[in-house]
């Protein structure tokens, strides 16, 4: 069987082996406990290029040493045979040579060769090594402080990377929330372009650990896009508010005009949530028809008709007062689950589908869910289930099925004000 440890005259000299010998000489002058030396190298082993097999061989060599071998003036030299090392590591001879060479080239061990290339050694009565040739572990003692400093730097780098990842996550959520809100409210602006830029940045996110420099660049790009999206969103909201204020002014003028009519009666309920405005018919006399008053048309609908004639976007086109972004922001726990399952939710139809998929998670029966949809309509039933889901996750509702049935009962008696619950949760988050 060939021997790993050949005489220095036979072994090919490399810069790595020369450095390892220098570390060995320095280690002889140091007194470092074996446990401390091995803990230090294991914490940075992967970073300095050591493989799992290298660490296994190093552990096997370390087990052959004794405590007094690591005292000042001593060298922890291992003269275990190839057969012994192969038996305790499970390596083939070629693998054993490869791992030993890598340990030496990285400066973790050094080779001390005998004149005949054999590994052997002797200890005195106190167990101290008198003379030995083989694997020299002294470099570990010399490099403990170096390894500990490297570990501190690696720990700081990991902490920085984690902080940068958290900041990127915050920026991502802010960008996504603004873009989704803009799409939901049909705000004017380059939202398709901004959404494309956002998706491009998401594709650049690393799938594995990466250096802090790369994460810093990504964070700068995300924050730049976030600022652009927020500025665009603010401008679009202001334009929308101008249009809405104009609509309210026309509505006020219309109401004053209606107050002048002695026969005008308005008994319609105020519905905030549903997107389909259900008009309540009022009996009109033939005299009113002759006077040009359109029967069965509510004052709000008449105002919306006037707004449409003026080219102003009305509430009927924009959506209900309780919009999708409000629901998602008020119920963050549900929003997280929904996005994980359904990805980007562009409208109430997507939300209704995902809500139906998440329903069994909180124990709401299919019968209760169908009853809510039948009595409330798909949109209000969806909002009610979202609220029930989030309250159950927050520990506020113990029986989700009973809570949802309670919402249906309130709707039947006209006591349901679901929008107040959502806005109340938003106020609580801001507090």
Protein backbone atom coordinates (compact mmCIF):
# COMPACT_ATOMS: atom_id res chain seq x y z
CA UNK A 1 0.00 0.00 0.00
CA UNK A 2 1.42 3.40 -0.96
CA UNK A 3 2.02 6.04 1.66
CA UNK A 4 0.51 9.52 1.71
CA UNK A 5 3.42 11.02 3.57
CA UNK A 6 6.46 10.97 1.33
CA UNK A 7 9.81 12.58 2.13
CA UNK A 8 10.00 16.28 1.46
CA UNK A 9 12.42 15.55 -1.34
CA UNK A 10 9.73 13.48 -3.09
CA UNK A 11 6.74 15.73 -2.43
CA UNK A 12 6.06 18.46 -4.97
CA UNK A 13 6.60 21.82 -3.26
CA UNK A 14 3.80 24.40 -3.50
CA UNK A 15 3.20 27.83 -2.03
CA UNK A 16 0.35 26.39 0.07
CA UNK A 17 2.55 23.77 1.68
CA UNK A 18 5.23 26.37 2.43
CA UNK A 19 2.69 28.62 4.15
CA UNK A 20 1.33 25.63 6.10
CA UNK A 21 4.84 24.90 7.45
CA UNK A 22 5.20 28.54 8.56
CA UNK A 23 1.88 28.25 10.43
CA UNK A 24 3.11 25.03 12.04
CA UNK A 25 6.24 26.72 13.35
CA UNK A 26 4.14 29.58 14.75
CA UNK A 27 1.69 27.12 16.30
CA UNK A 28 4.46 25.42 18.22
CA UNK A 29 4.98 28.66 20.14
CA UNK A 30 1.28 28.95 21.07
CA UNK A 31 -0.75 27.18 23.73
CA UNK A 32 -4.30 26.68 22.46
CA UNK A 33 -6.74 24.03 23.71
CA UNK A 34 -7.71 21.49 21.06
CA UNK A 35 -11.44 22.20 21.48
CA UNK A 36 -10.96 25.92 20.88
CA UNK A 37 -8.86 25.30 17.79
CA UNK A 38 -11.37 22.89 16.25
CA UNK A 39 -14.39 25.10 17.01
CA UNK A 40 -12.66 28.04 15.35
CA UNK A 41 -11.83 26.18 12.13
CA UNK A 42 -15.24 24.50 11.85
CA UNK A 43 -17.07 27.82 11.99
CA UNK A 44 -15.19 29.13 8.96
CA UNK A 45 -14.35 25.85 7.21
CA UNK A 46 -16.77 26.28 4.33
CA UNK A 47 -15.65 29.86 3.77
CA UNK A 48 -11.95 28.95 3.45
CA UNK A 49 -12.74 26.17 0.98
CA UNK A 50 -12.96 23.04 3.10
CA UNK A 51 -15.43 20.30 2.18
CA UNK A 52 -17.38 17.99 4.45
CA UNK A 53 -14.92 15.17 3.77
CA UNK A 54 -12.01 17.43 4.74
CA UNK A 55 -13.64 18.21 8.07
CA UNK A 56 -14.29 14.50 8.69
CA UNK A 57 -10.62 13.67 8.15
CA UNK A 58 -9.59 16.61 10.37
CA UNK A 59 -11.86 15.34 13.17
CA UNK A 60 -10.36 11.87 12.83
CA UNK A 61 -6.82 13.28 13.06
CA UNK A 62 -7.79 15.42 16.06
CA UNK A 63 -9.14 12.42 17.93
CA UNK A 64 -5.68 10.83 17.70
CA UNK A 65 -4.06 13.74 19.64
CA UNK A 66 -3.89 14.28 23.41
CA UNK A 67 -4.32 17.39 25.53
CA UNK A 68 -0.59 17.83 26.24
CA UNK A 69 0.13 17.85 22.49
CA UNK A 70 -1.47 21.32 22.27
CA UNK A 71 0.69 22.95 24.96
CA UNK A 72 3.32 25.55 24.16
CA UNK A 73 6.49 24.00 22.77
CA UNK A 74 4.64 20.90 21.56
CA UNK A 75 3.31 19.90 18.17
CA UNK A 76 0.14 17.77 17.81
CA UNK A 77 1.47 15.29 15.23
CA UNK A 78 -0.62 12.31 14.12
CA UNK A 79 1.11 9.17 12.78
CA UNK A 80 -2.00 7.06 12.23
CA UNK A 81 -1.68 4.59 9.36
CA UNK A 82 -3.61 4.74 6.10
CA UNK A 83 -5.55 1.64 7.11
CA UNK A 84 -6.60 3.26 10.40
CA UNK A 85 -7.72 6.49 8.71
CA UNK A 86 -9.55 4.69 5.90
CA UNK A 87 -11.38 2.50 8.42
CA UNK A 88 -12.52 5.46 10.55
CA UNK A 89 -13.51 7.75 7.66
CA UNK A 90 -14.75 5.27 5.06
CA UNK A 91 -12.57 6.93 2.41
CA UNK A 92 -10.75 5.14 -0.36
CA UNK A 93 -7.00 5.69 -0.54
CA UNK A 94 -7.33 8.21 -3.38
CA UNK A 95 -10.03 10.12 -1.46
CA UNK A 96 -7.87 10.08 1.66
CA UNK A 97 -4.97 11.61 -0.28
CA UNK A 98 -7.23 14.23 -1.83
CA UNK A 99 -8.69 15.40 1.49
CA UNK A 100 -5.30 15.45 3.21
CA UNK A 101 -3.82 17.49 0.38
CA UNK A 102 -6.65 20.04 0.56
CA UNK A 103 -6.22 20.43 4.33
CA UNK A 104 -2.53 21.12 3.80
CA UNK A 105 -2.99 23.50 0.85
CA UNK A 106 -5.47 25.61 2.86
CA UNK A 107 -2.98 25.84 5.72
CA UNK A 108 -4.97 23.85 8.26
CA UNK A 109 -2.42 21.04 8.66
CA UNK A 110 1.20 20.52 7.64
CA UNK A 111 3.16 17.45 6.57
CA UNK A 112 6.20 16.44 8.65
CA UNK A 113 7.99 13.76 6.63
CA UNK A 114 10.39 11.13 7.95
CA UNK A 115 13.57 10.20 6.02
CA UNK A 116 12.02 6.97 4.74
CA UNK A 117 8.52 8.39 4.11
CA UNK A 118 6.92 6.37 6.92
CA UNK A 119 4.64 7.82 9.60
CA UNK A 120 5.70 6.93 13.14
CA UNK A 121 6.17 8.47 16.59
CA UNK A 122 7.10 7.87 20.27
CA UNK A 123 5.80 9.29 23.58
CA UNK A 124 7.57 9.42 26.97
CA UNK A 125 6.22 8.15 30.27
CA UNK A 126 4.14 11.33 30.70
CA UNK A 127 2.55 10.90 27.28
CA UNK A 128 4.48 13.74 25.63
CA UNK A 129 5.59 13.28 22.06
CA UNK A 130 9.38 12.75 21.88
CA UNK A 131 9.68 12.29 18.13
CA UNK A 132 6.99 11.92 15.47
CA UNK A 133 6.43 12.15 11.71
CA UNK A 134 3.08 12.46 9.99
CA UNK A 135 0.24 14.99 9.94
CA UNK A 136 1.10 18.15 11.93
CA UNK A 137 -1.96 20.00 13.32
CA UNK A 138 0.08 22.90 14.72
CA UNK A 139 -1.23 25.37 12.06
CA UNK A 140 -4.60 25.27 13.81
CA UNK A 141 -3.08 26.76 16.98
CA UNK A 142 -1.42 29.52 14.99
CA UNK A 143 -4.61 30.49 13.14
CA UNK A 144 -7.21 30.51 15.94
CA UNK A 145 -7.31 34.31 16.22
CA UNK A 146 -7.44 34.61 12.42
CA UNK A 147 -10.38 32.20 12.24
CA UNK A 148 -12.24 33.95 15.09
CA UNK A 149 -11.82 37.32 13.39
CA UNK A 150 -13.05 35.84 10.13
CA UNK A 151 -16.07 34.40 11.91
CA UNK A 152 -16.92 37.82 13.37
CA UNK A 153 -16.73 39.34 9.90
CA UNK A 154 -18.94 36.60 8.47
CA UNK A 155 -21.46 37.12 11.27
CA UNK A 156 -21.54 40.85 10.57
CA UNK A 157 -21.97 40.16 6.85
CA UNK A 158 -24.90 37.79 7.52
CA UNK A 159 -26.55 40.35 9.80
CA UNK A 160 -26.14 43.04 7.13
CA UNK A 161 -27.59 40.75 4.46
CA UNK A 162 -30.59 39.94 6.66
CA UNK A 163 -31.18 43.64 7.31
CA UNK A 164 -30.97 44.44 3.59
CA UNK A 165 -33.38 41.59 2.78
CA UNK A 166 -35.89 42.93 5.31
CA UNK A 167 -35.65 46.41 3.80
CA UNK A 168 -36.11 44.97 0.31
CA UNK A 169 -39.21 43.10 1.53
CA UNK A 170 -40.70 46.32 2.95
CA UNK A 171 -40.07 48.15 -0.33
CA UNK A 172 -41.57 45.26 -2.30
CA UNK A 173 -44.75 45.30 -0.23
CA UNK A 174 -45.15 49.05 -0.52
CA UNK A 175 -44.71 48.95 -4.29
CA UNK A 176 -47.11 46.04 -4.70
CA UNK A 177 -49.75 47.66 -2.48
CA UNK A 178 -49.66 50.94 -4.43
CA UNK A 179 -49.79 49.23 -7.83
CA UNK A 180 -52.67 46.96 -6.75
CA UNK A 181 -54.54 49.94 -5.31
CA UNK A 182 -54.06 51.87 -8.54
CA UNK A 183 -55.36 48.98 -10.65
CA UNK A 184 -58.30 48.43 -8.29
CA UNK A 185 -59.31 52.10 -8.35
CA UNK A 186 -58.61 52.33 -12.10
CA UNK A 187 -56.40 55.35 -11.54
CA UNK A 188 -54.85 56.92 -14.57
CA UNK A 189 -51.10 56.49 -15.00
CA UNK A 190 -48.37 54.24 -16.46
CA UNK A 191 -49.29 51.38 -14.16
CA UNK A 192 -48.67 48.62 -16.70
CA UNK A 193 -45.16 49.95 -17.29
CA UNK A 194 -44.45 50.31 -13.57
CA UNK A 195 -45.81 46.81 -12.94
CA UNK A 196 -43.44 45.48 -15.60
CA UNK A 197 -40.46 47.21 -13.98
CA UNK A 198 -41.50 45.72 -10.64
CA UNK A 199 -41.65 42.21 -12.08
CA UNK A 200 -38.20 42.67 -13.64
CA UNK A 201 -36.77 43.59 -10.24
CA UNK A 202 -38.45 40.58 -8.63
CA UNK A 203 -36.74 38.35 -11.20
CA UNK A 204 -33.37 39.79 -10.11
CA UNK A 205 -33.82 38.70 -6.50
CA UNK A 206 -31.24 36.03 -5.63
CA UNK A 207 -32.48 32.49 -5.11
CA UNK A 208 -29.64 31.72 -2.68
CA UNK A 209 -27.30 33.55 -0.33
CA UNK A 210 -25.49 36.44 -1.96
CA UNK A 211 -23.09 39.19 -0.96
CA UNK A 212 -24.27 42.38 0.73
CA UNK A 213 -23.00 44.46 -2.22
CA UNK A 214 -25.52 42.81 -4.54
CA UNK A 215 -28.34 43.23 -2.03
CA UNK A 216 -27.43 46.90 -1.54
CA UNK A 217 -27.74 47.52 -5.28
CA UNK A 218 -31.08 45.71 -5.37
CA UNK A 219 -32.37 47.73 -2.42
CA UNK A 220 -31.38 50.98 -4.15
CA UNK A 221 -33.30 49.91 -7.27
CA UNK A 222 -36.38 48.90 -5.28
CA UNK A 223 -36.38 52.19 -3.35
CA UNK A 224 -36.01 54.17 -6.55
CA UNK A 225 -38.99 52.36 -8.06
CA UNK A 226 -40.94 52.76 -4.79
CA UNK A 227 -40.44 56.53 -4.87
CA UNK A 228 -41.52 56.66 -8.50
CA UNK A 229 -44.63 54.58 -7.83
CA UNK A 230 -45.62 56.62 -4.78
CA UNK A 231 -45.23 59.93 -6.63
CA UNK A 232 -47.28 58.62 -9.55
CA UNK A 233 -49.93 57.23 -7.20
CA UNK A 234 -50.21 60.53 -5.31
CA UNK A 235 -50.70 62.48 -8.52
CA UNK A 236 -53.32 60.02 -9.75
CA UNK A 237 -55.22 60.17 -6.44
CA UNK A 238 -55.29 63.96 -6.56
CA UNK A 239 -56.74 63.87 -10.05
CA UNK A 240 -59.31 61.34 -8.86
CA UNK A 241 -60.23 63.56 -5.90
CA UNK A 242 -60.76 66.54 -8.21
CA UNK A 243 -63.14 64.45 -10.31
CA UNK A 244 -64.94 63.21 -7.19
CA UNK A 245 -65.29 66.72 -5.75
CA UNK A 246 -66.75 67.86 -9.05
CA UNK A 247 -69.24 64.98 -8.88
CA UNK A 248 -70.21 65.91 -5.30
CA UNK A 249 -70.80 69.53 -6.31
CA UNK A 250 -73.13 68.47 -9.11
CA UNK A 251 -74.91 66.11 -6.67
CA UNK A 252 -75.46 68.94 -4.18
CA UNK A 253 -76.92 71.15 -6.92
CA UNK A 254 -79.20 68.30 -7.97
CA UNK A 255 -80.40 67.75 -4.38
CA UNK A 256 -81.25 71.43 -3.97
CA UNK A 257 -83.19 71.33 -7.20
CA UNK A 258 -85.12 68.28 -6.00
CA UNK A 259 -85.97 69.98 -2.70
CA UNK A 260 -87.86 72.63 -4.68
CA UNK A 261 -90.23 69.96 -6.06
CA UNK A 262 -93.15 69.49 -3.58
CA UNK A 263 -93.79 65.92 -4.71
CA UNK A 264 -90.21 64.65 -4.65
CA UNK A 265 -89.87 61.70 -2.28
CA UNK A 266 -86.56 59.93 -1.56
CA UNK A 267 -86.75 56.83 0.58
CA UNK A 268 -83.68 55.01 -0.78
CA UNK A 269 -81.24 53.35 1.67
CA UNK A 270 -77.55 54.29 1.52
CA UNK A 271 -75.53 51.29 0.32
CA UNK A 272 -71.74 51.59 0.70
CA UNK A 273 -70.40 48.20 -0.17
CA UNK A 274 -72.13 46.64 -3.15
CA UNK A 275 -70.93 47.61 -6.61
CA UNK A 276 -74.40 47.07 -8.11
CA UNK A 277 -76.56 49.99 -6.99
CA UNK A 278 -80.09 48.64 -6.51
CA UNK A 279 -82.65 51.37 -7.04
CA UNK A 280 -85.82 51.48 -4.93
CA UNK A 281 -88.79 52.29 -7.15
CA UNK A 282 -91.14 55.10 -6.18
CA UNK A 283 -94.60 55.57 -7.64
CA UNK A 284 -94.80 58.48 -10.04
CA UNK A 285 -98.03 60.09 -11.19
CA UNK A 286 -98.91 60.74 -14.75
CA UNK A 287 -98.54 64.45 -14.03
CA UNK A 288 -94.87 63.92 -13.13
CA UNK A 289 -94.28 62.02 -16.35
CA UNK A 290 -95.89 64.77 -18.31
CA UNK A 291 -93.64 67.26 -16.55
CA UNK A 292 -90.54 65.39 -17.81
CA UNK A 293 -89.58 63.66 -14.52
CA UNK A 294 -88.26 60.17 -15.25
CA UNK A 295 -89.96 57.57 -13.01
CA UNK A 296 -88.07 55.01 -10.94
CA UNK A 297 -84.79 56.97 -11.08
CA UNK A 298 -83.04 57.86 -7.79
CA UNK A 299 -81.47 61.30 -7.29
CA UNK A 300 -77.99 59.65 -7.07
CA UNK A 301 -78.56 57.93 -10.40
CA UNK A 302 -79.75 61.16 -11.99
CA UNK A 303 -76.58 62.89 -10.78
CA UNK A 304 -74.41 60.08 -12.11
CA UNK A 305 -76.17 60.42 -15.48
CA UNK A 306 -75.38 64.13 -15.50
CA UNK A 307 -71.73 63.38 -14.62
CA UNK A 308 -71.47 60.86 -17.42
CA UNK A 309 -72.93 63.38 -19.87
CA UNK A 310 -70.20 65.80 -18.75
CA UNK A 311 -67.50 63.15 -19.31
CA UNK A 312 -66.80 62.67 -15.58
CA UNK A 313 -66.06 59.14 -14.29
CA UNK A 314 -68.75 58.17 -11.77
CA UNK A 315 -68.74 55.95 -8.70
CA UNK A 316 -70.59 53.30 -10.64
CA UNK A 317 -67.61 53.03 -12.97
CA UNK A 318 -64.91 53.43 -10.33
CA UNK A 319 -66.22 50.77 -7.94
CA UNK A 320 -67.74 50.60 -4.48
CA UNK A 321 -66.72 52.68 -1.46
CA UNK A 322 -65.14 49.59 0.12
CA UNK A 323 -62.49 48.78 -2.48
CA UNK A 324 -60.15 45.83 -2.82
CA UNK A 325 -57.00 47.59 -1.47
CA UNK A 326 -58.90 48.66 1.66
CA UNK A 327 -60.01 45.09 2.31
CA UNK A 328 -56.51 43.69 1.79
CA UNK A 329 -54.77 46.35 3.90
CA UNK A 330 -57.26 46.01 6.75
CA UNK A 331 -56.79 42.22 6.84
CA UNK A 332 -53.04 41.60 6.44
CA UNK A 333 -53.14 37.97 7.62
CA UNK A 334 -55.69 37.03 4.97
CA UNK A 335 -53.81 39.10 2.36
CA UNK A 336 -50.63 37.14 3.01
CA UNK A 337 -52.38 33.79 2.60
CA UNK A 338 -54.29 35.01 -0.46
CA UNK A 339 -51.20 36.21 -2.29
CA UNK A 340 -49.36 32.97 -1.51
CA UNK A 341 -52.20 30.97 -3.04
CA UNK A 342 -53.46 33.23 -5.82
CA UNK A 343 -50.56 35.57 -6.56
CA UNK A 344 -51.64 38.97 -7.83
CA UNK A 345 -55.34 39.62 -7.15
CA UNK A 346 -56.59 42.06 -9.76
CA UNK A 347 -60.29 42.24 -8.90
CA UNK A 348 -63.11 41.02 -6.63
CA UNK A 349 -63.51 37.91 -8.76
CA UNK A 350 -59.98 36.79 -7.90
CA UNK A 351 -60.57 37.59 -4.22
CA UNK A 352 -63.85 35.62 -4.22
CA UNK A 353 -62.08 32.59 -5.71
CA UNK A 354 -59.20 32.64 -3.20
CA UNK A 355 -61.56 33.27 -0.28
CA UNK A 356 -63.49 30.15 -1.24
CA UNK A 357 -60.25 28.16 -1.26
CA UNK A 358 -59.19 29.45 2.18
CA UNK A 359 -62.64 28.97 3.73
CA UNK A 360 -62.05 25.38 4.96
CA UNK A 361 -58.89 26.46 6.80
CA UNK A 362 -60.92 28.28 9.44
CA UNK A 363 -63.73 25.71 9.66
CA UNK A 364 -66.50 27.60 7.84
CA UNK A 365 -68.85 25.03 6.32
CA UNK A 366 -69.81 25.07 2.68
CA UNK A 367 -73.45 25.54 3.71
CA UNK A 368 -72.64 28.69 5.69
CA UNK A 369 -70.56 30.04 2.80
CA UNK A 370 -73.33 29.37 0.23
CA UNK A 371 -75.92 30.95 2.54
CA UNK A 372 -73.78 34.08 2.91
CA UNK A 373 -73.37 34.38 -0.86
CA UNK A 374 -77.09 33.88 -1.41
CA UNK A 375 -78.15 36.46 1.21
CA UNK A 376 -75.38 39.03 0.80
CA UNK A 377 -74.25 38.64 -2.77
CA UNK A 378 -70.80 37.41 -3.86
CA UNK A 379 -68.90 40.64 -3.15
CA UNK A 380 -70.24 41.39 0.35
CA UNK A 381 -70.02 37.69 1.25
CA UNK A 382 -66.37 37.70 0.15
CA UNK A 383 -65.61 40.78 2.26
CA UNK A 384 -67.38 39.17 5.22
CA UNK A 385 -65.36 35.95 4.88
CA UNK A 386 -62.10 37.93 4.59
CA UNK A 387 -62.94 39.78 7.81
CA UNK A 388 -63.90 36.52 9.55
CA UNK A 389 -60.65 34.84 8.44
CA UNK A 390 -58.46 37.70 9.67
CA UNK A 391 -60.26 38.02 13.01
CA UNK A 392 -59.98 34.28 13.59
CA UNK A 393 -56.21 34.36 12.87
CA UNK A 394 -55.86 37.29 15.30
CA UNK A 395 -57.69 35.36 18.03
CA UNK A 396 -60.69 37.72 18.00
CA UNK A 397 -63.20 35.13 16.76
CA UNK A 398 -63.39 31.63 18.22
CA UNK A 399 -66.19 30.32 15.96
CA UNK A 400 -65.73 31.60 12.39
CA UNK A 401 -68.86 29.82 11.13
CA UNK A 402 -71.03 31.40 13.83
CA UNK A 403 -69.48 34.81 13.22
CA UNK A 404 -70.26 34.63 9.48
CA UNK A 405 -73.86 33.59 10.21
CA UNK A 406 -74.13 36.55 12.58
CA UNK A 407 -73.12 38.87 9.73
CA UNK A 408 -75.84 37.34 7.53
CA UNK A 409 -78.44 37.86 10.29
CA UNK A 410 -77.42 41.49 10.72
CA UNK A 411 -77.81 42.03 6.99
CA UNK A 412 -81.34 40.58 7.21
CA UNK A 413 -82.35 43.09 9.90
CA UNK A 414 -80.64 46.03 8.21
CA UNK A 415 -78.04 46.38 10.97
CA UNK A 416 -74.99 45.40 8.94
CA UNK A 417 -72.33 48.09 8.53
CA UNK A 418 -69.45 45.94 7.31
CA UNK A 419 -67.39 48.88 6.07
CA UNK A 420 -67.06 50.19 9.63
CA UNK A 421 -65.26 47.01 10.68
CA UNK A 422 -62.70 47.38 7.90
CA UNK A 423 -62.04 51.07 8.49
CA UNK A 424 -61.87 50.40 12.22
CA UNK A 425 -59.11 47.83 11.65
CA UNK A 426 -57.21 50.27 9.50
CA UNK A 427 -57.45 52.88 12.25
CA UNK A 428 -56.19 50.34 14.77
CA UNK A 429 -53.17 49.56 12.57
CA UNK A 430 -52.31 53.22 12.30
CA UNK A 431 -52.63 53.81 16.05
